Structure formats: C-alpha cells, structure tokens
C-alpha cells in the first residue's frame, strides 16, 4: 500500500457516494477498496481538482484485473472515494509504463 494511504484506517462511504460510481461507471464500492490493497498502485496529487481540499488519484487494479482510475481525498484518516471509472488509454499506458520501468533490473 502506498505511503500516503498506509496510515488510513478505512473508507468513508455515505449515501451520497456509495452508489454513484456504480450508477455512472459500473464500479462497485468494493472494487474501489480493492484497488488500494492490490499492487502495483500508483498514487499522485490531483492538483487540478485540489481547490477546496487536497485530492489525489490512484491508478490500480481490482481483484478481477479491472484497471481503474480513482479520484479520492483523505478525511480523518479515512479514504473518501470521489469518483471511480475504468482507466482511459492514456492512463493505462502511463500505468503499464510505470510498472514496466519499476520491474526492470
């Protein structure tokens, strides 16, 4: 697990965000959580969307090998998923290149 989320104690889900990713992108809240426990996991600052609170995005895979992009923030040591969807081609390329670079000897 990435250092940024290593000290988090769980996930923050409420009625406003637990089903919205399923409705919009067919990503369950459980798939979102899986990404944070599966390696490789890439996490970066989301500077563009960090106006009112610091946001991040994660590129990772679910247990069913689904490549997901997850936008999230951290509140009170809890991960709050803002949005989740399948990676687009550009994100998938970045993810795969980073993995390849880190696995070369």
PDB file of N, CA and C in Angstrom:
ATOM      1  N   UNK A   1       0.849  -1.181   0.000  1.00  0.00           N
ATOM      2  CA  UNK A   1       0.000   0.000   0.000  1.00  0.00           C
ATOM      3  C   UNK A   1       0.890   1.237   0.000  1.00  0.00           C
ATOM      4  N   UNK A   2       0.490   2.220  -0.739  1.00  0.00           N
ATOM      5  CA  UNK A   2       1.261   3.457  -0.842  1.00  0.00           C
ATOM      6  C   UNK A   2       1.415   4.136   0.513  1.00  0.00           C
ATOM      7  N   UNK A   3       2.537   4.835   0.703  1.00  0.00           N
ATOM      8  CA  UNK A   3       2.798   5.540   1.951  1.00  0.00           C
ATOM      9  C   UNK A   3       1.707   6.536   2.308  1.00  0.00           C
ATOM     10  N   UNK A   4       1.124   7.178   1.301  1.00  0.00           N
ATOM     11  CA  UNK A   4       0.085   8.175   1.533  1.00  0.00           C
ATOM     12  C   UNK A   4      -1.129   7.574   2.238  1.00  0.00           C
ATOM     13  N   UNK A   5      -1.523   6.392   1.841  1.00  0.00           N
ATOM     14  CA  UNK A   5      -2.730   5.784   2.406  1.00  0.00           C
ATOM     15  C   UNK A   5      -2.419   4.702   3.443  1.00  0.00           C
ATOM     16  N   UNK A   6      -1.153   4.459   3.674  1.00  0.00           N
ATOM     17  CA  UNK A   6      -0.735   3.398   4.602  1.00  0.00           C
ATOM     18  C   UNK A   6      -1.313   3.593   6.003  1.00  0.00           C
ATOM     19  N   UNK A   7      -1.405   4.838   6.447  1.00  0.00           N
ATOM     20  CA  UNK A   7      -1.901   5.113   7.794  1.00  0.00           C
ATOM     21  C   UNK A   7      -3.410   5.314   7.860  1.00  0.00           C
ATOM     22  N   UNK A   8      -4.078   5.175   6.738  1.00  0.00           N
ATOM     23  CA  UNK A   8      -5.539   5.306   6.747  1.00  0.00           C
ATOM     24  C   UNK A   8      -6.156   4.095   7.432  1.00  0.00           C
ATOM     25  N   UNK A   9      -7.283   4.334   8.069  1.00  0.00           N
ATOM     26  CA  UNK A   9      -7.921   3.291   8.877  1.00  0.00           C
ATOM     27  C   UNK A   9      -9.142   2.665   8.213  1.00  0.00           C
ATOM     28  N   UNK A  10      -9.452   3.087   7.007  1.00  0.00           N
ATOM     29  CA  UNK A  10     -10.605   2.534   6.316  1.00  0.00           C
ATOM     30  C   UNK A  10     -11.113   3.495   5.269  1.00  0.00           C
ATOM     31  N   UNK A  11     -12.390   3.354   4.959  1.00  0.00           N
ATOM     32  CA  UNK A  11     -13.012   4.135   3.903  1.00  0.00           C
ATOM     33  C   UNK A  11     -14.212   4.890   4.444  1.00  0.00           C
ATOM     34  N   UNK A  12     -14.466   6.034   3.858  1.00  0.00           N
ATOM     35  CA  UNK A  12     -15.598   6.863   4.237  1.00  0.00           C
ATOM     36  C   UNK A  12     -16.622   6.794   3.117  1.00  0.00           C
ATOM     37  N   UNK A  13     -17.709   6.076   3.368  1.00  0.00           N
ATOM     38  CA  UNK A  13     -18.802   5.959   2.399  1.00  0.00           C
ATOM     39  C   UNK A  13     -20.057   6.521   3.047  1.00  0.00           C
ATOM     40  N   UNK A  14     -20.837   7.228   2.280  1.00  0.00           N
ATOM     41  CA  UNK A  14     -22.127   7.699   2.766  1.00  0.00           C
ATOM     42  C   UNK A  14     -23.147   7.532   1.649  1.00  0.00           C
ATOM     43  N   UNK A  15     -24.376   7.859   1.930  1.00  0.00           N
ATOM     44  CA  UNK A  15     -25.432   7.681   0.925  1.00  0.00           C
ATOM     45  C   UNK A  15     -25.141   8.461  -0.345  1.00  0.00           C
ATOM     46  N   UNK A  16     -24.410   9.566  -0.217  1.00  0.00           N
ATOM     47  CA  UNK A  16     -24.129  10.397  -1.374  1.00  0.00           C
ATOM     48  C   UNK A  16     -23.074   9.844  -2.311  1.00  0.00           C
ATOM     49  N   UNK A  17     -22.215   8.945  -1.818  1.00  0.00           N
ATOM     50  CA  UNK A  17     -21.154   8.474  -2.710  1.00  0.00           C
ATOM     51  C   UNK A  17     -21.012   6.961  -2.826  1.00  0.00           C
ATOM     52  N   UNK A  18     -21.755   6.179  -2.084  1.00  0.00           N
ATOM     53  CA  UNK A  18     -21.528   4.727  -2.125  1.00  0.00           C
ATOM     54  C   UNK A  18     -22.011   4.093  -3.432  1.00  0.00           C
ATOM     55  N   UNK A  19     -23.058   4.638  -4.044  1.00  0.00           N
ATOM     56  CA  UNK A  19     -23.598   4.029  -5.264  1.00  0.00           C
ATOM     57  C   UNK A  19     -23.339   4.831  -6.531  1.00  0.00           C
ATOM     58  N   UNK A  20     -22.840   6.060  -6.423  1.00  0.00           N
ATOM     59  CA  UNK A  20     -22.743   6.905  -7.613  1.00  0.00           C
ATOM     60  C   UNK A  20     -21.773   6.352  -8.659  1.00  0.00           C
ATOM     61  N   UNK A  21     -20.692   5.702  -8.235  1.00  0.00           N
ATOM     62  CA  UNK A  21     -19.758   5.148  -9.210  1.00  0.00           C
ATOM     63  C   UNK A  21     -20.338   3.921  -9.914  1.00  0.00           C
ATOM     64  N   UNK A  22     -21.196   3.186  -9.233  1.00  0.00           N
ATOM     65  CA  UNK A  22     -21.884   2.073  -9.875  1.00  0.00           C
ATOM     66  C   UNK A  22     -22.858   2.605 -10.923  1.00  0.00           C
ATOM     67  N   UNK A  23     -23.607   3.625 -10.561  1.00  0.00           N
ATOM     68  CA  UNK A  23     -24.599   4.203 -11.471  1.00  0.00           C
ATOM     69  C   UNK A  23     -23.920   4.804 -12.705  1.00  0.00           C
ATOM     70  N   UNK A  24     -22.835   5.547 -12.493  1.00  0.00           N
ATOM     71  CA  UNK A  24     -22.169   6.231 -13.603  1.00  0.00           C
ATOM     72  C   UNK A  24     -21.223   5.337 -14.410  1.00  0.00           C
ATOM     73  N   UNK A  25     -20.467   4.469 -13.736  1.00  0.00           N
ATOM     74  CA  UNK A  25     -19.378   3.745 -14.401  1.00  0.00           C
ATOM     75  C   UNK A  25     -19.363   2.241 -14.147  1.00  0.00           C
ATOM     76  N   UNK A  26     -20.375   1.726 -13.447  1.00  0.00           N
ATOM     77  CA  UNK A  26     -20.448   0.291 -13.130  1.00  0.00           C
ATOM     78  C   UNK A  26     -19.248  -0.190 -12.319  1.00  0.00           C
ATOM     79  N   UNK A  27     -18.785   0.667 -11.375  1.00  0.00           N
ATOM     80  CA  UNK A  27     -17.709   0.306 -10.449  1.00  0.00           C
ATOM     81  C   UNK A  27     -18.324   0.252  -9.055  1.00  0.00           C
ATOM     82  N   UNK A  28     -18.217  -0.891  -8.393  1.00  0.00           N
ATOM     83  CA  UNK A  28     -18.772  -1.027  -7.045  1.00  0.00           C
ATOM     84  C   UNK A  28     -17.832  -0.399  -6.015  1.00  0.00           C
ATOM     85  N   UNK A  29     -18.380  -0.100  -4.849  1.00  0.00           N
ATOM     86  CA  UNK A  29     -17.530   0.454  -3.791  1.00  0.00           C
ATOM     87  C   UNK A  29     -16.492  -0.582  -3.334  1.00  0.00           C
ATOM     88  N   UNK A  30     -16.812  -1.855  -3.430  1.00  0.00           N
ATOM     89  CA  UNK A  30     -15.838  -2.890  -3.053  1.00  0.00           C
ATOM     90  C   UNK A  30     -14.670  -2.936  -4.030  1.00  0.00           C
ATOM     91  N   UNK A  31     -14.946  -2.757  -5.333  1.00  0.00           N
ATOM     92  CA  UNK A  31     -13.861  -2.694  -6.316  1.00  0.00           C
ATOM     93  C   UNK A  31     -12.940  -1.510  -6.022  1.00  0.00           C
ATOM     94  N   UNK A  32     -13.539  -0.383  -5.650  1.00  0.00           N
ATOM     95  CA  UNK A  32     -12.751   0.801  -5.303  1.00  0.00           C
ATOM     96  C   UNK A  32     -11.801   0.476  -4.161  1.00  0.00           C
ATOM     97  N   UNK A  33     -12.302  -0.169  -3.137  1.00  0.00           N
ATOM     98  CA  UNK A  33     -11.472  -0.501  -1.980  1.00  0.00           C
ATOM     99  C   UNK A  33     -10.361  -1.487  -2.361  1.00  0.00           C
ATOM    100  N   UNK A  34     -10.672  -2.456  -3.212  1.00  0.00           N
ATOM    101  CA  UNK A  34      -9.678  -3.461  -3.610  1.00  0.00           C
ATOM    102  C   UNK A  34      -8.434  -2.822  -4.224  1.00  0.00           C
ATOM    103  N   UNK A  35      -8.642  -1.781  -5.015  1.00  0.00           N
ATOM    104  CA  UNK A  35      -7.527  -1.138  -5.706  1.00  0.00           C
ATOM    105  C   UNK A  35      -6.444  -0.701  -4.728  1.00  0.00           C
ATOM    106  N   UNK A  36      -6.840  -0.232  -3.543  1.00  0.00           N
ATOM    107  CA  UNK A  36      -5.876   0.281  -2.575  1.00  0.00           C
ATOM    108  C   UNK A  36      -5.058  -0.824  -1.899  1.00  0.00           C
ATOM    109  N   UNK A  37      -5.479  -2.078  -2.057  1.00  0.00           N
ATOM    110  CA  UNK A  37      -4.775  -3.207  -1.436  1.00  0.00           C
ATOM    111  C   UNK A  37      -4.025  -4.065  -2.443  1.00  0.00           C
ATOM    112  N   UNK A  38      -4.210  -3.782  -3.730  1.00  0.00           N
ATOM    113  CA  UNK A  38      -3.557  -4.556  -4.781  1.00  0.00           C
ATOM    114  C   UNK A  38      -2.378  -3.780  -5.351  1.00  0.00           C
ATOM    115  N   UNK A  39      -1.316  -4.488  -5.630  1.00  0.00           N
ATOM    116  CA  UNK A  39      -0.140  -3.876  -6.236  1.00  0.00           C
ATOM    117  C   UNK A  39      -0.048  -4.297  -7.689  1.00  0.00           C
ATOM    118  N   UNK A  40       0.522  -3.473  -8.517  1.00  0.00           N
ATOM    119  CA  UNK A  40       1.040  -2.142  -8.232  1.00  0.00           C
ATOM    120  C   UNK A  40      -0.080  -1.106  -8.125  1.00  0.00           C
ATOM    121  N   UNK A  41       0.198  -0.107  -7.307  1.00  0.00           N
ATOM    122  CA  UNK A  41      -0.730   1.005  -7.084  1.00  0.00           C
ATOM    123  C   UNK A  41       0.037   2.295  -7.271  1.00  0.00           C
ATOM    124  N   UNK A  42      -0.431   3.132  -8.172  1.00  0.00           N
ATOM    125  CA  UNK A  42       0.196   4.429  -8.403  1.00  0.00           C
ATOM    126  C   UNK A  42      -0.723   5.513  -7.852  1.00  0.00           C
ATOM    127  N   UNK A  43      -0.182   6.397  -7.030  1.00  0.00           N
ATOM    128  CA  UNK A  43      -0.955   7.495  -6.456  1.00  0.00           C
ATOM    129  C   UNK A  43      -0.233   8.801  -6.742  1.00  0.00           C
ATOM    130  N   UNK A  44      -1.001   9.795  -7.197  1.00  0.00           N
ATOM    131  CA  UNK A  44      -0.445  11.115  -7.491  1.00  0.00           C
ATOM    132  C   UNK A  44      -1.363  12.200  -6.965  1.00  0.00           C
ATOM    133  N   UNK A  45      -0.786  13.374  -6.749  1.00  0.00           N
ATOM    134  CA  UNK A  45      -1.591  14.546  -6.390  1.00  0.00           C
ATOM    135  C   UNK A  45      -2.470  14.928  -7.568  1.00  0.00           C
ATOM    136  N   UNK A  46      -3.684  15.337  -7.274  1.00  0.00           N
ATOM    137  CA  UNK A  46      -4.602  15.852  -8.293  1.00  0.00           C
ATOM    138  C   UNK A  46      -4.675  17.367  -8.116  1.00  0.00           C
ATOM    139  N   UNK A  47      -3.644  18.039  -8.569  1.00  0.00           N
ATOM    140  CA  UNK A  47      -3.507  19.480  -8.368  1.00  0.00           C
ATOM    141  C   UNK A  47      -4.678  20.235  -8.989  1.00  0.00           C
ATOM    142  N   UNK A  48      -5.095  19.815 -10.147  1.00  0.00           N
ATOM    143  CA  UNK A  48      -6.169  20.496 -10.881  1.00  0.00           C
ATOM    144  C   UNK A  48      -7.471  20.554 -10.084  1.00  0.00           C
ATOM    145  N   UNK A  49      -7.748  19.513  -9.293  1.00  0.00           N
ATOM    146  CA  UNK A  49      -9.021  19.429  -8.566  1.00  0.00           C
ATOM    147  C   UNK A  49      -8.860  19.630  -7.058  1.00  0.00           C
ATOM    148  N   UNK A  50      -7.746  20.204  -6.638  1.00  0.00           N
ATOM    149  CA  UNK A  50      -7.483  20.390  -5.206  1.00  0.00           C
ATOM    150  C   UNK A  50      -7.770  21.816  -4.744  1.00  0.00           C
ATOM    151  N   UNK A  51      -8.838  22.395  -5.209  1.00  0.00           N
ATOM    152  CA  UNK A  51      -9.163  23.787  -4.860  1.00  0.00           C
ATOM    153  C   UNK A  51      -9.630  23.923  -3.414  1.00  0.00           C
ATOM    154  N   UNK A  52     -10.625  23.129  -3.010  1.00  0.00           N
ATOM    155  CA  UNK A  52     -11.183  23.256  -1.660  1.00  0.00           C
ATOM    156  C   UNK A  52     -10.576  22.260  -0.668  1.00  0.00           C
ATOM    157  N   UNK A  53     -10.081  21.126  -1.151  1.00  0.00           N
ATOM    158  CA  UNK A  53      -9.391  20.158  -0.306  1.00  0.00           C
ATOM    159  C   UNK A  53      -8.387  19.407  -1.162  1.00  0.00           C
ATOM    160  N   UNK A  54      -7.346  18.882  -0.534  1.00  0.00           N
ATOM    161  CA  UNK A  54      -6.310  18.164  -1.264  1.00  0.00           C
ATOM    162  C   UNK A  54      -6.881  16.854  -1.804  1.00  0.00           C
ATOM    163  N   UNK A  55      -6.735  16.681  -3.106  1.00  0.00           N
ATOM    164  CA  UNK A  55      -7.222  15.472  -3.762  1.00  0.00           C
ATOM    165  C   UNK A  55      -6.072  14.727  -4.415  1.00  0.00           C
ATOM    166  N   UNK A  56      -6.332  13.444  -4.618  1.00  0.00           N
ATOM    167  CA  UNK A  56      -5.357  12.546  -5.212  1.00  0.00           C
ATOM    168  C   UNK A  56      -6.068  11.671  -6.228  1.00  0.00           C
ATOM    169  N   UNK A  57      -5.270  10.998  -7.064  1.00  0.00           N
ATOM    170  CA  UNK A  57      -5.860   9.963  -7.905  1.00  0.00           C
ATOM    171  C   UNK A  57      -4.980   8.727  -7.834  1.00  0.00           C
ATOM    172  N   UNK A  58      -5.628   7.599  -7.983  1.00  0.00           N
ATOM    173  CA  UNK A  58      -4.933   6.318  -7.945  1.00  0.00           C
ATOM    174  C   UNK A  58      -5.183   5.579  -9.253  1.00  0.00           C
ATOM    175  N   UNK A  59      -4.156   4.917  -9.730  1.00  0.00           N
ATOM    176  CA  UNK A  59      -4.261   4.006 -10.857  1.00  0.00           C
ATOM    177  C   UNK A  59      -3.924   2.633 -10.311  1.00  0.00           C
ATOM    178  N   UNK A  60      -4.854   1.699 -10.472  1.00  0.00           N
ATOM    179  CA  UNK A  60      -4.621   0.366  -9.933  1.00  0.00           C
ATOM    180  C   UNK A  60      -5.574  -0.653 -10.511  1.00  0.00           C
ATOM    181  N   UNK A  61      -5.496  -1.856  -9.966  1.00  0.00           N
ATOM    182  CA  UNK A  61      -6.324  -2.946 -10.478  1.00  0.00           C
ATOM    183  C   UNK A  61      -7.169  -3.548  -9.362  1.00  0.00           C
ATOM    184  N   UNK A  62      -8.341  -4.020  -9.757  1.00  0.00           N
ATOM    185  CA  UNK A  62      -9.220  -4.710  -8.816  1.00  0.00           C
ATOM    186  C   UNK A  62      -8.846  -6.192  -8.794  1.00  0.00           C
ATOM    187  N   UNK A  63      -9.492  -6.957  -7.936  1.00  0.00           N
ATOM    188  CA  UNK A  63      -9.223  -8.399  -7.859  1.00  0.00           C
ATOM    189  C   UNK A  63      -9.564  -9.109  -9.164  1.00  0.00           C
ATOM    190  N   UNK A  64     -10.487  -8.517  -9.938  1.00  0.00           N
ATOM    191  CA  UNK A  64     -10.868  -9.120 -11.213  1.00  0.00           C
ATOM    192  C   UNK A  64     -10.036  -8.560 -12.369  1.00  0.00           C
ATOM    193  N   UNK A  65      -8.885  -7.952 -12.037  1.00  0.00           N
ATOM    194  CA  UNK A  65      -7.952  -7.388 -13.029  1.00  0.00           C
ATOM    195  C   UNK A  65      -8.557  -6.260 -13.855  1.00  0.00           C
ATOM    196  N   UNK A  66      -9.436  -5.509 -13.255  1.00  0.00           N
ATOM    197  CA  UNK A  66     -10.017  -4.343 -13.911  1.00  0.00           C
ATOM    198  C   UNK A  66      -9.126  -3.139 -13.610  1.00  0.00           C
ATOM    199  N   UNK A  67      -8.691  -2.442 -14.644  1.00  0.00           N
ATOM    200  CA  UNK A  67      -7.804  -1.291 -14.498  1.00  0.00           C
ATOM    201  C   UNK A  67      -8.658  -0.059 -14.186  1.00  0.00           C
ATOM    202  N   UNK A  68      -8.484   0.500 -12.978  1.00  0.00           N
ATOM    203  CA  UNK A  68      -9.351   1.589 -12.520  1.00  0.00           C
ATOM    204  C   UNK A  68      -8.588   2.866 -12.199  1.00  0.00           C
ATOM    205  N   UNK A  69      -9.245   3.982 -12.469  1.00  0.00           N
ATOM    206  CA  UNK A  69      -8.809   5.318 -12.087  1.00  0.00           C
ATOM    207  C   UNK A  69      -9.716   5.735 -10.941  1.00  0.00           C
ATOM    208  N   UNK A  70      -9.132   6.133  -9.813  1.00  0.00           N
ATOM    209  CA  UNK A  70      -9.928   6.532  -8.649  1.00  0.00           C
ATOM    210  C   UNK A  70      -9.461   7.892  -8.154  1.00  0.00           C
ATOM    211  N   UNK A  71     -10.391   8.819  -8.090  1.00  0.00           N
ATOM    212  CA  UNK A  71     -10.144  10.137  -7.505  1.00  0.00           C
ATOM    213  C   UNK A  71     -10.593  10.053  -6.048  1.00  0.00           C
ATOM    214  N   UNK A  72      -9.746  10.568  -5.130  1.00  0.00           N
ATOM    215  CA  UNK A  72     -10.097  10.442  -3.710  1.00  0.00           C
ATOM    216  C   UNK A  72      -9.458  11.552  -2.893  1.00  0.00           C
ATOM    217  N   UNK A  73      -9.927  11.673  -1.679  1.00  0.00           N
ATOM    218  CA  UNK A  73      -9.336  12.560  -0.695  1.00  0.00           C
ATOM    219  C   UNK A  73      -9.198  11.776   0.605  1.00  0.00           C
ATOM    220  N   UNK A  74      -8.505  12.350   1.569  1.00  0.00           N
ATOM    221  CA  UNK A  74      -8.378  11.698   2.870  1.00  0.00           C
ATOM    222  C   UNK A  74      -8.971  12.626   3.917  1.00  0.00           C
ATOM    223  N   UNK A  75      -9.926  12.101   4.675  1.00  0.00           N
ATOM    224  CA  UNK A  75     -10.566  12.851   5.751  1.00  0.00           C
ATOM    225  C   UNK A  75     -10.497  12.034   7.036  1.00  0.00           C
ATOM    226  N   UNK A  76      -9.878  12.610   8.046  1.00  0.00           N
ATOM    227  CA  UNK A  76      -9.772  11.944   9.355  1.00  0.00           C
ATOM    228  C   UNK A  76      -9.240  10.520   9.237  1.00  0.00           C
ATOM    229  N   UNK A  77      -8.152  10.340   8.500  1.00  0.00           N
ATOM    230  CA  UNK A  77      -7.525   9.033   8.282  1.00  0.00           C
ATOM    231  C   UNK A  77      -8.420   8.017   7.585  1.00  0.00           C
ATOM    232  N   UNK A  78      -9.386   8.506   6.832  1.00  0.00           N
ATOM    233  CA  UNK A  78     -10.252   7.642   6.032  1.00  0.00           C
ATOM    234  C   UNK A  78     -10.152   8.053   4.565  1.00  0.00           C
ATOM    235  N   UNK A  79     -10.144   7.072   3.682  1.00  0.00           N
ATOM    236  CA  UNK A  79     -10.129   7.327   2.248  1.00  0.00           C
ATOM    237  C   UNK A  79     -11.567   7.564   1.803  1.00  0.00           C
ATOM    238  N   UNK A  80     -11.808   8.719   1.186  1.00  0.00           N
ATOM    239  CA  UNK A  80     -13.141   9.032   0.655  1.00  0.00           C
ATOM    240  C   UNK A  80     -13.028   9.079  -0.853  1.00  0.00           C
ATOM    241  N   UNK A  81     -13.604   8.077  -1.505  1.00  0.00           N
ATOM    242  CA  UNK A  81     -13.577   8.000  -2.965  1.00  0.00           C
ATOM    243  C   UNK A  81     -14.547   9.033  -3.521  1.00  0.00           C
ATOM    244  N   UNK A  82     -14.052   9.837  -4.439  1.00  0.00           N
ATOM    245  CA  UNK A  82     -14.866  10.854  -5.076  1.00  0.00           C
ATOM    246  C   UNK A  82     -15.435  10.328  -6.382  1.00  0.00           C
ATOM    247  N   UNK A  83     -14.596   9.653  -7.145  1.00  0.00           N
ATOM    248  CA  UNK A  83     -15.024   9.131  -8.434  1.00  0.00           C
ATOM    249  C   UNK A  83     -14.186   7.916  -8.781  1.00  0.00           C
ATOM    250  N   UNK A  84     -14.783   6.973  -9.491  1.00  0.00           N
ATOM    251  CA  UNK A  84     -14.063   5.781  -9.943  1.00  0.00           C
ATOM    252  C   UNK A  84     -14.602   5.375 -11.311  1.00  0.00           C
ATOM    253  N   UNK A  85     -13.670   4.991 -12.165  1.00  0.00           N
ATOM    254  CA  UNK A  85     -14.038   4.584 -13.528  1.00  0.00           C
ATOM    255  C   UNK A  85     -12.900   3.751 -14.097  1.00  0.00           C
ATOM    256  N   UNK A  86     -13.148   3.134 -15.253  1.00  0.00           N
ATOM    257  CA  UNK A  86     -12.088   2.417 -15.948  1.00  0.00           C
ATOM    258  C   UNK A  86     -11.045   3.423 -16.431  1.00  0.00           C
ATOM    259  N   UNK A  87      -9.783   3.011 -16.403  1.00  0.00           N
ATOM    260  CA  UNK A  87      -8.723   3.876 -16.932  1.00  0.00           C
ATOM    261  C   UNK A  87      -8.956   4.107 -18.417  1.00  0.00           C
ATOM    262  N   UNK A  88      -8.639   5.316 -18.872  1.00  0.00           N
ATOM    263  CA  UNK A  88      -8.669   5.551 -20.307  1.00  0.00           C
ATOM    264  C   UNK A  88      -7.344   5.070 -20.904  1.00  0.00           C
ATOM    265  N   UNK A  89      -7.194   5.150 -22.216  1.00  0.00           N
ATOM    266  CA  UNK A  89      -5.997   4.626 -22.873  1.00  0.00           C
ATOM    267  C   UNK A  89      -4.714   5.297 -22.379  1.00  0.00           C
ATOM    268  N   UNK A  90      -4.771   6.610 -22.221  1.00  0.00           N
ATOM    269  CA  UNK A  90      -3.586   7.356 -21.778  1.00  0.00           C
ATOM    270  C   UNK A  90      -3.178   6.936 -20.361  1.00  0.00           C
ATOM    271  N   UNK A  91      -4.144   6.815 -19.455  1.00  0.00           N
ATOM    272  CA  UNK A  91      -3.871   6.400 -18.068  1.00  0.00           C
ATOM    273  C   UNK A  91      -3.331   4.980 -18.020  1.00  0.00           C
ATOM    274  N   UNK A  92      -3.903   4.108 -18.827  1.00  0.00           N
ATOM    275  CA  UNK A  92      -3.449   2.717 -18.859  1.00  0.00           C
ATOM    276  C   UNK A  92      -2.004   2.629 -19.352  1.00  0.00           C
ATOM    277  N   UNK A  93      -1.672   3.448 -20.358  1.00  0.00           N
ATOM    278  CA  UNK A  93      -0.307   3.470 -20.881  1.00  0.00           C
ATOM    279  C   UNK A  93       0.664   3.945 -19.804  1.00  0.00           C
ATOM    280  N   UNK A  94       0.307   5.015 -19.095  1.00  0.00           N
ATOM    281  CA  UNK A  94       1.146   5.532 -18.004  1.00  0.00           C
ATOM    282  C   UNK A  94       1.345   4.450 -16.943  1.00  0.00           C
ATOM    283  N   UNK A  95       0.247   3.785 -16.570  1.00  0.00           N
ATOM    284  CA  UNK A  95       0.291   2.735 -15.553  1.00  0.00           C
ATOM    285  C   UNK A  95       1.220   1.599 -15.991  1.00  0.00           C
ATOM    286  N   UNK A  96       1.035   1.125 -17.203  1.00  0.00           N
ATOM    287  CA  UNK A  96       1.831  -0.002 -17.687  1.00  0.00           C
ATOM    288  C   UNK A  96       3.302   0.370 -17.854  1.00  0.00           C
ATOM    289  N   UNK A  97       3.585   1.596 -18.318  1.00  0.00           N
ATOM    290  CA  UNK A  97       4.973   2.038 -18.453  1.00  0.00           C
ATOM    291  C   UNK A  97       5.655   2.141 -17.089  1.00  0.00           C
ATOM    292  N   UNK A  98       4.937   2.654 -16.098  1.00  0.00           N
ATOM    293  CA  UNK A  98       5.490   2.784 -14.748  1.00  0.00           C
ATOM    294  C   UNK A  98       5.787   1.403 -14.161  1.00  0.00           C
ATOM    295  N   UNK A  99       4.875   0.461 -14.370  1.00  0.00           N
ATOM    296  CA  UNK A  99       5.077  -0.904 -13.872  1.00  0.00           C
ATOM    297  C   UNK A  99       6.294  -1.527 -14.547  1.00  0.00           C
ATOM    298  N   UNK A 100       6.365  -1.378 -15.858  1.00  0.00           N
ATOM    299  CA  UNK A 100       7.481  -1.957 -16.615  1.00  0.00           C
ATOM    300  C   UNK A 100       8.807  -1.351 -16.155  1.00  0.00           C
ATOM    301  N   UNK A 101       8.824  -0.039 -15.964  1.00  0.00           N
ATOM    302  CA  UNK A 101      10.042   0.649 -15.524  1.00  0.00           C
ATOM    303  C   UNK A 101      10.489   0.150 -14.146  1.00  0.00           C
ATOM    304  N   UNK A 102       9.539  -0.074 -13.242  1.00  0.00           N
ATOM    305  CA  UNK A 102       9.862  -0.487 -11.878  1.00  0.00           C
ATOM    306  C   UNK A 102      10.206  -1.971 -11.765  1.00  0.00           C
ATOM    307  N   UNK A 103       9.896  -2.763 -12.789  1.00  0.00           N
ATOM    308  CA  UNK A 103      10.192  -4.199 -12.695  1.00  0.00           C
ATOM    309  C   UNK A 103      11.465  -4.569 -13.455  1.00  0.00           C
ATOM    310  N   UNK A 104      12.030  -3.612 -14.216  1.00  0.00           N
ATOM    311  CA  UNK A 104      13.280  -3.894 -14.933  1.00  0.00           C
ATOM    312  C   UNK A 104      14.447  -3.897 -13.948  1.00  0.00           C
ATOM    313  N   UNK A 105      15.390  -4.788 -14.208  1.00  0.00           N
ATOM    314  CA  UNK A 105      16.586  -4.883 -13.349  1.00  0.00           C
ATOM    315  C   UNK A 105      17.738  -4.158 -14.021  1.00  0.00           C
TER     316      UNK A 105
END
